[in-house]
């Protein structure tokens, strides 16, 4: 059984013994844990959570990358997935979206498997994983986000292109609609991919490092966009590396290092103690996080 624990009343993960622990940890020592030796069936997860992950394990060449991940995403929240390099953050998103196989476990989106819920899910991959030399315009890329509604191999009609142009306008890229995607800067390319996600009009968004390698103006534009999605009741899960901005950007945080170390409201979970468990003493990162926490405390006083 995983050492990750779950409250019987809220269903929220509260923590684990830290990175690299084995499943034989004594979960009974934590309030709300299942008795040692008992295996959860998954029925304790909320039936209509935007995302519900039960005991998910992912392995590459028989080497576990994620181990017994258990997590329920609250609806209408900005959720940051945080952890060291190699912790499995991107793999978590890919496993949820069936882009990599799962060794075990169950994933539900609003109570159903992903293959039944594709129309309400949007995904923004890492920018480095995209072939930017493909000969398409920014408008073409955004229009691809409508394929889930109109069907593959069907023509993109005028109303769909209008919706795509409106999404580009929303991210400040309408003037570049007919620009070849490879001719755009990194920040501009990221805005185009965000526009593609917007035009899908999804209920839940998965974003893999949306702030990576972008300029300050683009970062602020992305933050504003995420806040607008939250206001509209959408749920966003984003892989994020900058510990200093976690308290500012996210309502809820998942601290991940192969397994969920802790998850919950940022104000409660994003603590030096939990970061120490997650990062294992990487002092530079922890110092940055401590500074961010100190700044947050001073602004609240």
C-alpha atoms as a PDB file:
ATOM      1  CA  UNK A   1       0.000   0.000   0.000  1.00  0.00           C
ATOM      2  CA  UNK A   2       1.187   3.513  -0.719  1.00  0.00           C
ATOM      3  CA  UNK A   3       2.309   5.655   2.184  1.00  0.00           C
ATOM      4  CA  UNK A   4       0.376   8.534   0.642  1.00  0.00           C
ATOM      5  CA  UNK A   5      -2.592   9.162   2.943  1.00  0.00           C
ATOM      6  CA  UNK A   6      -6.138  10.232   2.353  1.00  0.00           C
ATOM      7  CA  UNK A   7      -8.674  11.908   4.626  1.00  0.00           C
ATOM      8  CA  UNK A   8     -11.828   9.822   4.982  1.00  0.00           C
ATOM      9  CA  UNK A   9     -13.959  12.970   5.082  1.00  0.00           C
ATOM     10  CA  UNK A  10     -12.461  15.085   2.309  1.00  0.00           C
ATOM     11  CA  UNK A  11     -10.742  12.495   0.144  1.00  0.00           C
ATOM     12  CA  UNK A  12      -7.716  14.778  -0.192  1.00  0.00           C
ATOM     13  CA  UNK A  13      -4.168  13.519  -0.097  1.00  0.00           C
ATOM     14  CA  UNK A  14      -2.306  14.904   2.894  1.00  0.00           C
ATOM     15  CA  UNK A  15       1.241  13.652   2.482  1.00  0.00           C
ATOM     16  CA  UNK A  16       3.731  10.785   2.458  1.00  0.00           C
ATOM     17  CA  UNK A  17       7.025   9.757   3.955  1.00  0.00           C
ATOM     18  CA  UNK A  18       8.868  11.708   1.255  1.00  0.00           C
ATOM     19  CA  UNK A  19      10.616  10.936  -2.012  1.00  0.00           C
ATOM     20  CA  UNK A  20      12.044   7.531  -2.631  1.00  0.00           C
ATOM     21  CA  UNK A  21      10.079   5.812   0.170  1.00  0.00           C
ATOM     22  CA  UNK A  22       8.876   2.260  -0.339  1.00  0.00           C
ATOM     23  CA  UNK A  23       5.280   1.055  -0.107  1.00  0.00           C
ATOM     24  CA  UNK A  24       6.024  -0.582   3.239  1.00  0.00           C
ATOM     25  CA  UNK A  25       5.917   2.711   5.186  1.00  0.00           C
ATOM     26  CA  UNK A  26       3.686   2.777   8.268  1.00  0.00           C
ATOM     27  CA  UNK A  27       0.658   4.657   6.983  1.00  0.00           C
ATOM     28  CA  UNK A  28      -1.273   3.962  10.191  1.00  0.00           C
ATOM     29  CA  UNK A  29       0.760   6.572  12.029  1.00  0.00           C
ATOM     30  CA  UNK A  30      -0.963   9.377  10.106  1.00  0.00           C
ATOM     31  CA  UNK A  31      -4.517  10.433  10.956  1.00  0.00           C
ATOM     32  CA  UNK A  32      -6.992   9.469   8.240  1.00  0.00           C
ATOM     33  CA  UNK A  33      -4.797   6.738   6.748  1.00  0.00           C
ATOM     34  CA  UNK A  34      -6.215   3.399   5.747  1.00  0.00           C
ATOM     35  CA  UNK A  35      -5.224   0.559   8.110  1.00  0.00           C
ATOM     36  CA  UNK A  36      -1.916  -1.045   7.164  1.00  0.00           C
ATOM     37  CA  UNK A  37      -2.425  -3.973   4.807  1.00  0.00           C
ATOM     38  CA  UNK A  38      -5.759  -2.670   3.502  1.00  0.00           C
ATOM     39  CA  UNK A  39      -6.003  -1.748  -0.160  1.00  0.00           C
ATOM     40  CA  UNK A  40      -8.249   1.097  -1.236  1.00  0.00           C
ATOM     41  CA  UNK A  41     -10.738   0.199  -3.962  1.00  0.00           C
ATOM     42  CA  UNK A  42     -10.941   3.687  -5.414  1.00  0.00           C
ATOM     43  CA  UNK A  43     -14.527   4.151  -4.217  1.00  0.00           C
ATOM     44  CA  UNK A  44     -13.320   6.781  -1.728  1.00  0.00           C
ATOM     45  CA  UNK A  45     -12.646   9.213  -4.593  1.00  0.00           C
ATOM     46  CA  UNK A  46     -15.296  11.869  -5.404  1.00  0.00           C
ATOM     47  CA  UNK A  47     -17.370  10.586  -8.306  1.00  0.00           C
ATOM     48  CA  UNK A  48     -17.503  13.896 -10.181  1.00  0.00           C
ATOM     49  CA  UNK A  49     -14.048  15.317  -9.539  1.00  0.00           C
ATOM     50  CA  UNK A  50     -12.516  16.978 -12.623  1.00  0.00           C
ATOM     51  CA  UNK A  51      -9.614  14.552 -12.261  1.00  0.00           C
ATOM     52  CA  UNK A  52      -9.413  11.500 -10.036  1.00  0.00           C
ATOM     53  CA  UNK A  53      -6.252   9.365  -9.985  1.00  0.00           C
ATOM     54  CA  UNK A  54      -6.248   6.130  -8.004  1.00  0.00           C
ATOM     55  CA  UNK A  55      -3.023   4.216  -7.269  1.00  0.00           C
ATOM     56  CA  UNK A  56      -1.449   4.994 -10.648  1.00  0.00           C
ATOM     57  CA  UNK A  57       1.993   3.590 -11.407  1.00  0.00           C
ATOM     58  CA  UNK A  58       3.959   4.315 -14.590  1.00  0.00           C
ATOM     59  CA  UNK A  59       7.200   2.572 -15.498  1.00  0.00           C
ATOM     60  CA  UNK A  60       9.697   2.935 -18.341  1.00  0.00           C
ATOM     61  CA  UNK A  61      11.635  -0.265 -19.088  1.00  0.00           C
ATOM     62  CA  UNK A  62      10.359  -1.714 -15.798  1.00  0.00           C
ATOM     63  CA  UNK A  63      11.739   1.219 -13.828  1.00  0.00           C
ATOM     64  CA  UNK A  64       8.981   3.093 -11.962  1.00  0.00           C
ATOM     65  CA  UNK A  65       8.670   6.770 -12.842  1.00  0.00           C
ATOM     66  CA  UNK A  66       5.472   7.297 -10.870  1.00  0.00           C
ATOM     67  CA  UNK A  67       4.479   5.081  -7.952  1.00  0.00           C
ATOM     68  CA  UNK A  68       0.982   4.716  -6.458  1.00  0.00           C
ATOM     69  CA  UNK A  69      -0.110   8.250  -7.301  1.00  0.00           C
ATOM     70  CA  UNK A  70      -3.423   9.077  -5.640  1.00  0.00           C
ATOM     71  CA  UNK A  71      -4.987  12.478  -6.193  1.00  0.00           C
ATOM     72  CA  UNK A  72      -8.306  14.288  -6.692  1.00  0.00           C
ATOM     73  CA  UNK A  73      -8.321  17.703  -8.374  1.00  0.00           C
ATOM     74  CA  UNK A  74     -10.706  20.299  -6.936  1.00  0.00           C
ATOM     75  CA  UNK A  75     -12.957  21.966  -9.483  1.00  0.00           C
ATOM     76  CA  UNK A  76     -12.446  25.543 -10.632  1.00  0.00           C
ATOM     77  CA  UNK A  77      -8.906  25.832  -9.249  1.00  0.00           C
ATOM     78  CA  UNK A  78      -5.458  26.626 -10.608  1.00  0.00           C
ATOM     79  CA  UNK A  79      -3.362  23.625  -9.598  1.00  0.00           C
ATOM     80  CA  UNK A  80       0.424  23.649  -9.770  1.00  0.00           C
ATOM     81  CA  UNK A  81       2.344  20.376 -10.125  1.00  0.00           C
ATOM     82  CA  UNK A  82       5.733  20.968  -8.541  1.00  0.00           C
ATOM     83  CA  UNK A  83       8.786  18.814  -7.979  1.00  0.00           C
ATOM     84  CA  UNK A  84      12.450  18.300  -8.926  1.00  0.00           C
ATOM     85  CA  UNK A  85      13.657  17.339 -12.382  1.00  0.00           C
ATOM     86  CA  UNK A  86      12.881  13.696 -13.069  1.00  0.00           C
ATOM     87  CA  UNK A  87      10.081  13.599 -10.510  1.00  0.00           C
ATOM     88  CA  UNK A  88       7.520  12.456 -13.103  1.00  0.00           C
ATOM     89  CA  UNK A  89       5.564  15.693 -13.531  1.00  0.00           C
ATOM     90  CA  UNK A  90       5.276  15.593 -17.327  1.00  0.00           C
ATOM     91  CA  UNK A  91       4.765  11.834 -17.201  1.00  0.00           C
ATOM     92  CA  UNK A  92       1.826  12.387 -14.857  1.00  0.00           C
ATOM     93  CA  UNK A  93       0.036  14.539 -17.447  1.00  0.00           C
ATOM     94  CA  UNK A  94       0.880  12.148 -20.289  1.00  0.00           C
ATOM     95  CA  UNK A  95      -0.381   9.141 -18.337  1.00  0.00           C
ATOM     96  CA  UNK A  96      -3.644  10.906 -17.545  1.00  0.00           C
ATOM     97  CA  UNK A  97      -4.077  11.637 -21.280  1.00  0.00           C
ATOM     98  CA  UNK A  98      -3.149   8.090 -22.374  1.00  0.00           C
ATOM     99  CA  UNK A  99      -0.003   9.339 -24.122  1.00  0.00           C
ATOM    100  CA  UNK A 100       2.108   6.861 -22.150  1.00  0.00           C
ATOM    101  CA  UNK A 101       0.926   3.490 -20.810  1.00  0.00           C
ATOM    102  CA  UNK A 102       0.108   2.964 -17.159  1.00  0.00           C
ATOM    103  CA  UNK A 103       1.431  -0.089 -15.334  1.00  0.00           C
ATOM    104  CA  UNK A 104      -1.522   0.043 -12.950  1.00  0.00           C
ATOM    105  CA  UNK A 105      -4.132   2.345 -11.516  1.00  0.00           C
ATOM    106  CA  UNK A 106      -7.244   4.184 -12.638  1.00  0.00           C
ATOM    107  CA  UNK A 107      -7.770   7.681 -14.002  1.00  0.00           C
ATOM    108  CA  UNK A 108     -11.180   9.304 -14.346  1.00  0.00           C
ATOM    109  CA  UNK A 109     -12.153  12.718 -15.693  1.00  0.00           C
ATOM    110  CA  UNK A 110     -15.516  13.803 -14.341  1.00  0.00           C
ATOM    111  CA  UNK A 111     -16.229  10.183 -13.471  1.00  0.00           C
ATOM    112  CA  UNK A 112     -15.344   8.654 -16.846  1.00  0.00           C
ATOM    113  CA  UNK A 113     -12.198   7.411 -18.600  1.00  0.00           C
ATOM    114  CA  UNK A 114     -10.298   9.960 -20.673  1.00  0.00           C
ATOM    115  CA  UNK A 115     -11.238   8.303 -23.996  1.00  0.00           C
ATOM    116  CA  UNK A 116     -14.880   9.173 -23.247  1.00  0.00           C
ATOM    117  CA  UNK A 117     -14.085  12.733 -22.185  1.00  0.00           C
ATOM    118  CA  UNK A 118     -11.686  13.979 -24.873  1.00  0.00           C
ATOM    119  CA  UNK A 119     -14.098  16.728 -25.937  1.00  0.00           C
ATOM    120  CA  UNK A 120     -13.852  18.468 -22.542  1.00  0.00           C
ATOM    121  CA  UNK A 121     -10.059  18.192 -22.166  1.00  0.00           C
ATOM    122  CA  UNK A 122      -7.382  20.543 -23.544  1.00  0.00           C
ATOM    123  CA  UNK A 123      -3.636  19.935 -23.455  1.00  0.00           C
ATOM    124  CA  UNK A 124      -0.732  22.356 -23.905  1.00  0.00           C
ATOM    125  CA  UNK A 125       2.469  20.297 -24.335  1.00  0.00           C
ATOM    126  CA  UNK A 126       6.016  21.454 -23.644  1.00  0.00           C
ATOM    127  CA  UNK A 127       7.136  23.810 -26.379  1.00  0.00           C
ATOM    128  CA  UNK A 128      10.291  21.750 -26.969  1.00  0.00           C
ATOM    129  CA  UNK A 129       8.188  18.720 -27.942  1.00  0.00           C
ATOM    130  CA  UNK A 130       6.603  20.461 -30.944  1.00  0.00           C
ATOM    131  CA  UNK A 131       7.931  20.496 -34.521  1.00  0.00           C
ATOM    132  CA  UNK A 132       7.840  24.244 -35.120  1.00  0.00           C
ATOM    133  CA  UNK A 133       9.118  23.857 -38.686  1.00  0.00           C
ATOM    134  CA  UNK A 134       5.833  22.340 -39.830  1.00  0.00           C
ATOM    135  CA  UNK A 135       4.518  24.670 -42.591  1.00  0.00           C
ATOM    136  CA  UNK A 136       1.393  26.106 -40.971  1.00  0.00           C
ATOM    137  CA  UNK A 137       0.316  29.561 -39.848  1.00  0.00           C
ATOM    138  CA  UNK A 138      -0.580  30.576 -36.313  1.00  0.00           C
ATOM    139  CA  UNK A 139      -4.249  30.636 -37.326  1.00  0.00           C
ATOM    140  CA  UNK A 140      -3.995  27.098 -38.718  1.00  0.00           C
ATOM    141  CA  UNK A 141      -2.515  25.833 -35.455  1.00  0.00           C
ATOM    142  CA  UNK A 142      -5.317  27.366 -33.403  1.00  0.00           C
ATOM    143  CA  UNK A 143      -7.972  26.071 -35.803  1.00  0.00           C
ATOM    144  CA  UNK A 144      -6.655  22.561 -35.135  1.00  0.00           C
ATOM    145  CA  UNK A 145      -8.192  22.924 -31.708  1.00  0.00           C
ATOM    146  CA  UNK A 146     -11.653  22.756 -33.317  1.00  0.00           C
ATOM    147  CA  UNK A 147     -11.095  19.293 -34.821  1.00  0.00           C
ATOM    148  CA  UNK A 148     -12.588  17.635 -31.761  1.00  0.00           C
ATOM    149  CA  UNK A 149     -15.872  19.407 -32.476  1.00  0.00           C
ATOM    150  CA  UNK A 150     -16.016  19.206 -36.267  1.00  0.00           C
ATOM    151  CA  UNK A 151     -14.334  15.814 -36.707  1.00  0.00           C
ATOM    152  CA  UNK A 152     -11.134  14.761 -38.442  1.00  0.00           C
ATOM    153  CA  UNK A 153     -10.863  15.190 -42.218  1.00  0.00           C
ATOM    154  CA  UNK A 154     -13.785  17.608 -42.263  1.00  0.00           C
ATOM    155  CA  UNK A 155     -13.237  21.151 -43.507  1.00  0.00           C
ATOM    156  CA  UNK A 156     -12.588  23.995 -41.078  1.00  0.00           C
ATOM    157  CA  UNK A 157     -15.421  26.382 -41.841  1.00  0.00           C
ATOM    158  CA  UNK A 158     -15.563  30.131 -41.564  1.00  0.00           C
ATOM    159  CA  UNK A 159     -17.152  30.106 -38.101  1.00  0.00           C
ATOM    160  CA  UNK A 160     -14.358  27.896 -36.817  1.00  0.00           C
ATOM    161  CA  UNK A 161     -11.712  30.238 -38.214  1.00  0.00           C
ATOM    162  CA  UNK A 162     -13.516  33.165 -36.612  1.00  0.00           C
ATOM    163  CA  UNK A 163     -13.400  31.337 -33.272  1.00  0.00           C
ATOM    164  CA  UNK A 164      -9.686  30.655 -33.801  1.00  0.00           C
ATOM    165  CA  UNK A 165      -9.034  34.315 -34.601  1.00  0.00           C
ATOM    166  CA  UNK A 166     -10.952  35.370 -31.480  1.00  0.00           C
ATOM    167  CA  UNK A 167      -8.747  33.058 -29.407  1.00  0.00           C
ATOM    168  CA  UNK A 168      -5.622  34.618 -30.941  1.00  0.00           C
ATOM    169  CA  UNK A 169      -7.023  38.043 -30.106  1.00  0.00           C
ATOM    170  CA  UNK A 170      -7.510  36.932 -26.527  1.00  0.00           C
ATOM    171  CA  UNK A 171      -3.809  36.069 -26.173  1.00  0.00           C
ATOM    172  CA  UNK A 172      -2.625  39.171 -28.042  1.00  0.00           C
ATOM    173  CA  UNK A 173      -1.607  37.352 -31.225  1.00  0.00           C
ATOM    174  CA  UNK A 174      -4.278  38.366 -33.763  1.00  0.00           C
ATOM    175  CA  UNK A 175      -1.767  40.475 -35.722  1.00  0.00           C
ATOM    176  CA  UNK A 176       0.328  37.335 -36.261  1.00  0.00           C
ATOM    177  CA  UNK A 177      -2.525  35.090 -37.425  1.00  0.00           C
ATOM    178  CA  UNK A 178      -1.033  34.475 -40.877  1.00  0.00           C
ATOM    179  CA  UNK A 179       2.590  34.319 -39.755  1.00  0.00           C
ATOM    180  CA  UNK A 180       4.411  31.022 -40.231  1.00  0.00           C
ATOM    181  CA  UNK A 181       4.612  29.372 -36.818  1.00  0.00           C
ATOM    182  CA  UNK A 182       8.386  28.861 -37.114  1.00  0.00           C
ATOM    183  CA  UNK A 183       8.846  32.624 -37.552  1.00  0.00           C
ATOM    184  CA  UNK A 184       7.447  33.412 -34.124  1.00  0.00           C
ATOM    185  CA  UNK A 185       9.447  33.845 -30.933  1.00  0.00           C
ATOM    186  CA  UNK A 186       9.243  31.282 -28.149  1.00  0.00           C
ATOM    187  CA  UNK A 187       6.803  33.382 -26.157  1.00  0.00           C
ATOM    188  CA  UNK A 188       4.630  33.961 -29.215  1.00  0.00           C
ATOM    189  CA  UNK A 189       4.575  30.259 -30.012  1.00  0.00           C
ATOM    190  CA  UNK A 190       3.451  29.531 -26.478  1.00  0.00           C
ATOM    191  CA  UNK A 191       0.628  32.064 -26.791  1.00  0.00           C
ATOM    192  CA  UNK A 192      -0.507  30.367 -30.004  1.00  0.00           C
ATOM    193  CA  UNK A 193      -0.685  27.003 -28.259  1.00  0.00           C
ATOM    194  CA  UNK A 194      -2.655  28.553 -25.423  1.00  0.00           C
ATOM    195  CA  UNK A 195      -5.059  29.991 -27.997  1.00  0.00           C
ATOM    196  CA  UNK A 196      -5.458  26.500 -29.477  1.00  0.00           C
ATOM    197  CA  UNK A 197      -6.418  25.228 -26.019  1.00  0.00           C
ATOM    198  CA  UNK A 198      -8.855  28.101 -25.530  1.00  0.00           C
ATOM    199  CA  UNK A 199     -10.709  27.427 -28.766  1.00  0.00           C
ATOM    200  CA  UNK A 200     -11.432  23.908 -27.534  1.00  0.00           C
ATOM    201  CA  UNK A 201     -13.606  25.429 -24.781  1.00  0.00           C
ATOM    202  CA  UNK A 202     -12.645  22.597 -22.428  1.00  0.00           C
ATOM    203  CA  UNK A 203     -13.678  22.040 -18.818  1.00  0.00           C
ATOM    204  CA  UNK A 204     -10.221  20.907 -17.699  1.00  0.00           C
ATOM    205  CA  UNK A 205      -6.843  22.070 -19.020  1.00  0.00           C
ATOM    206  CA  UNK A 206      -3.495  20.300 -18.713  1.00  0.00           C
ATOM    207  CA  UNK A 207      -0.434  22.485 -19.305  1.00  0.00           C
ATOM    208  CA  UNK A 208       3.138  21.211 -19.315  1.00  0.00           C
ATOM    209  CA  UNK A 209       5.452  24.030 -18.228  1.00  0.00           C
ATOM    210  CA  UNK A 210       3.459  26.875 -19.824  1.00  0.00           C
ATOM    211  CA  UNK A 211       5.853  29.494 -18.406  1.00  0.00           C
ATOM    212  CA  UNK A 212       9.086  27.853 -19.568  1.00  0.00           C
ATOM    213  CA  UNK A 213      11.298  30.082 -21.702  1.00  0.00           C
ATOM    214  CA  UNK A 214       8.818  32.920 -22.131  1.00  0.00           C
ATOM    215  CA  UNK A 215       9.400  36.641 -21.633  1.00  0.00           C
ATOM    216  CA  UNK A 216       7.914  38.597 -18.723  1.00  0.00           C
ATOM    217  CA  UNK A 217       5.051  40.022 -20.823  1.00  0.00           C
ATOM    218  CA  UNK A 218       4.021  36.561 -22.023  1.00  0.00           C
ATOM    219  CA  UNK A 219       4.230  35.166 -18.498  1.00  0.00           C
ATOM    220  CA  UNK A 220       1.900  37.854 -17.225  1.00  0.00           C
ATOM    221  CA  UNK A 221      -0.464  37.266 -20.155  1.00  0.00           C
ATOM    222  CA  UNK A 222      -0.568  33.555 -19.306  1.00  0.00           C
ATOM    223  CA  UNK A 223      -1.282  34.287 -15.632  1.00  0.00           C
ATOM    224  CA  UNK A 224      -4.144  36.580 -16.614  1.00  0.00           C
ATOM    225  CA  UNK A 225      -5.534  33.916 -18.924  1.00  0.00           C
ATOM    226  CA  UNK A 226      -5.372  31.253 -16.220  1.00  0.00           C
ATOM    227  CA  UNK A 227      -7.209  33.535 -13.820  1.00  0.00           C
ATOM    228  CA  UNK A 228      -9.921  34.103 -16.435  1.00  0.00           C
ATOM    229  CA  UNK A 229     -10.323  30.352 -16.859  1.00  0.00           C
ATOM    230  CA  UNK A 230     -10.678  29.956 -13.088  1.00  0.00           C
ATOM    231  CA  UNK A 231     -13.308  32.700 -12.993  1.00  0.00           C
ATOM    232  CA  UNK A 232     -15.211  30.791 -15.692  1.00  0.00           C
ATOM    233  CA  UNK A 233     -15.180  27.686 -13.455  1.00  0.00           C
ATOM    234  CA  UNK A 234     -12.544  25.783 -15.419  1.00  0.00           C
ATOM    235  CA  UNK A 235      -9.909  23.582 -13.788  1.00  0.00           C
ATOM    236  CA  UNK A 236      -6.248  23.966 -14.762  1.00  0.00           C
ATOM    237  CA  UNK A 237      -3.348  21.653 -13.882  1.00  0.00           C
ATOM    238  CA  UNK A 238       0.048  23.065 -14.829  1.00  0.00           C
ATOM    239  CA  UNK A 239       3.544  21.676 -14.390  1.00  0.00           C
ATOM    240  CA  UNK A 240       5.625  24.474 -12.893  1.00  0.00           C
ATOM    241  CA  UNK A 241       9.294  24.893 -11.948  1.00  0.00           C
ATOM    242  CA  UNK A 242       9.644  28.356 -10.432  1.00  0.00           C
ATOM    243  CA  UNK A 243       9.097  27.879  -6.700  1.00  0.00           C
ATOM    244  CA  UNK A 244       9.109  31.612  -6.051  1.00  0.00           C
ATOM    245  CA  UNK A 245       5.895  32.167  -8.022  1.00  0.00           C
ATOM    246  CA  UNK A 246       3.927  29.136  -6.811  1.00  0.00           C
ATOM    247  CA  UNK A 247       2.125  31.016  -3.986  1.00  0.00           C
ATOM    248  CA  UNK A 248       1.292  33.857  -6.388  1.00  0.00           C
ATOM    249  CA  UNK A 249       0.025  31.765  -9.312  1.00  0.00           C
ATOM    250  CA  UNK A 250      -1.708  28.702  -7.855  1.00  0.00           C
ATOM    251  CA  UNK A 251      -4.605  28.055  -5.464  1.00  0.00           C
ATOM    252  CA  UNK A 252      -3.708  24.403  -4.998  1.00  0.00           C
ATOM    253  CA  UNK A 253      -0.390  22.586  -5.276  1.00  0.00           C
ATOM    254  CA  UNK A 254       0.721  18.990  -5.796  1.00  0.00           C
ATOM    255  CA  UNK A 255       4.251  18.288  -4.545  1.00  0.00           C
ATOM    256  CA  UNK A 256       5.515  15.331  -6.546  1.00  0.00           C
ATOM    257  CA  UNK A 257       8.644  13.220  -6.443  1.00  0.00           C
ATOM    258  CA  UNK A 258       7.747   9.903  -8.049  1.00  0.00           C
ATOM    259  CA  UNK A 259       4.765   9.843  -5.703  1.00  0.00           C
ATOM    260  CA  UNK A 260       2.591  12.549  -4.185  1.00  0.00           C
ATOM    261  CA  UNK A 261       4.461  13.965  -1.211  1.00  0.00           C
ATOM    262  CA  UNK A 262       1.639  16.363  -0.333  1.00  0.00           C
ATOM    263  CA  UNK A 263      -1.271  18.129  -2.008  1.00  0.00           C
ATOM    264  CA  UNK A 264      -3.843  20.689  -0.998  1.00  0.00           C
ATOM    265  CA  UNK A 265      -4.363  24.458  -0.796  1.00  0.00           C
ATOM    266  CA  UNK A 266      -1.106  26.265  -1.498  1.00  0.00           C
ATOM    267  CA  UNK A 267      -1.292  28.254   1.729  1.00  0.00           C
ATOM    268  CA  UNK A 268      -1.317  25.018   3.738  1.00  0.00           C
ATOM    269  CA  UNK A 269       0.805  22.617   1.687  1.00  0.00           C
ATOM    270  CA  UNK A 270       3.558  24.811   0.241  1.00  0.00           C
ATOM    271  CA  UNK A 271       5.709  24.797   3.379  1.00  0.00           C
ATOM    272  CA  UNK A 272       9.466  24.451   3.954  1.00  0.00           C
ATOM    273  CA  UNK A 273       8.884  21.068   5.590  1.00  0.00           C
ATOM    274  CA  UNK A 274       7.007  19.649   2.606  1.00  0.00           C
ATOM    275  CA  UNK A 275       9.484  21.161   0.165  1.00  0.00           C
ATOM    276  CA  UNK A 276      12.329  19.531   2.088  1.00  0.00           C
ATOM    277  CA  UNK A 277      10.601  16.165   1.699  1.00  0.00           C
ATOM    278  CA  UNK A 278      10.002  16.806  -2.000  1.00  0.00           C
ATOM    279  CA  UNK A 279      13.393  18.145  -3.032  1.00  0.00           C
ATOM    280  CA  UNK A 280      15.546  16.229  -0.559  1.00  0.00           C
ATOM    281  CA  UNK A 281      17.713  19.137   0.533  1.00  0.00           C
ATOM    282  CA  UNK A 282      18.417  20.942  -2.750  1.00  0.00           C
ATOM    283  CA  UNK A 283      19.274  24.073  -0.859  1.00  0.00           C
ATOM    284  CA  UNK A 284      19.227  26.638  -3.658  1.00  0.00           C
ATOM    285  CA  UNK A 285      15.665  25.784  -4.622  1.00  0.00           C
ATOM    286  CA  UNK A 286      14.573  25.592  -1.008  1.00  0.00           C
ATOM    287  CA  UNK A 287      16.078  29.005  -0.256  1.00  0.00           C
ATOM    288  CA  UNK A 288      14.131  30.467  -3.193  1.00  0.00           C
ATOM    289  CA  UNK A 289      10.936  28.918  -1.867  1.00  0.00           C
ATOM    290  CA  UNK A 290      11.616  30.214   1.647  1.00  0.00           C
ATOM    291  CA  UNK A 291      12.008  33.720   0.248  1.00  0.00           C
ATOM    292  CA  UNK A 292       8.703  33.396  -1.596  1.00  0.00           C
ATOM    293  CA  UNK A 293       6.967  32.200   1.560  1.00  0.00           C
ATOM    294  CA  UNK A 294       8.451  35.077   3.535  1.00  0.00           C
ATOM    295  CA  UNK A 295       7.204  37.586   0.971  1.00  0.00           C
ATOM    296  CA  UNK A 296       3.759  36.067   1.040  1.00  0.00           C
ATOM    297  CA  UNK A 297       3.665  36.293   4.835  1.00  0.00           C
ATOM    298  CA  UNK A 298       4.713  39.961   4.827  1.00  0.00           C
ATOM    299  CA  UNK A 299       1.984  40.921   2.320  1.00  0.00           C
ATOM    300  CA  UNK A 300      -0.692  39.202   4.422  1.00  0.00           C
ATOM    301  CA  UNK A 301       0.226  41.105   7.580  1.00  0.00           C
END
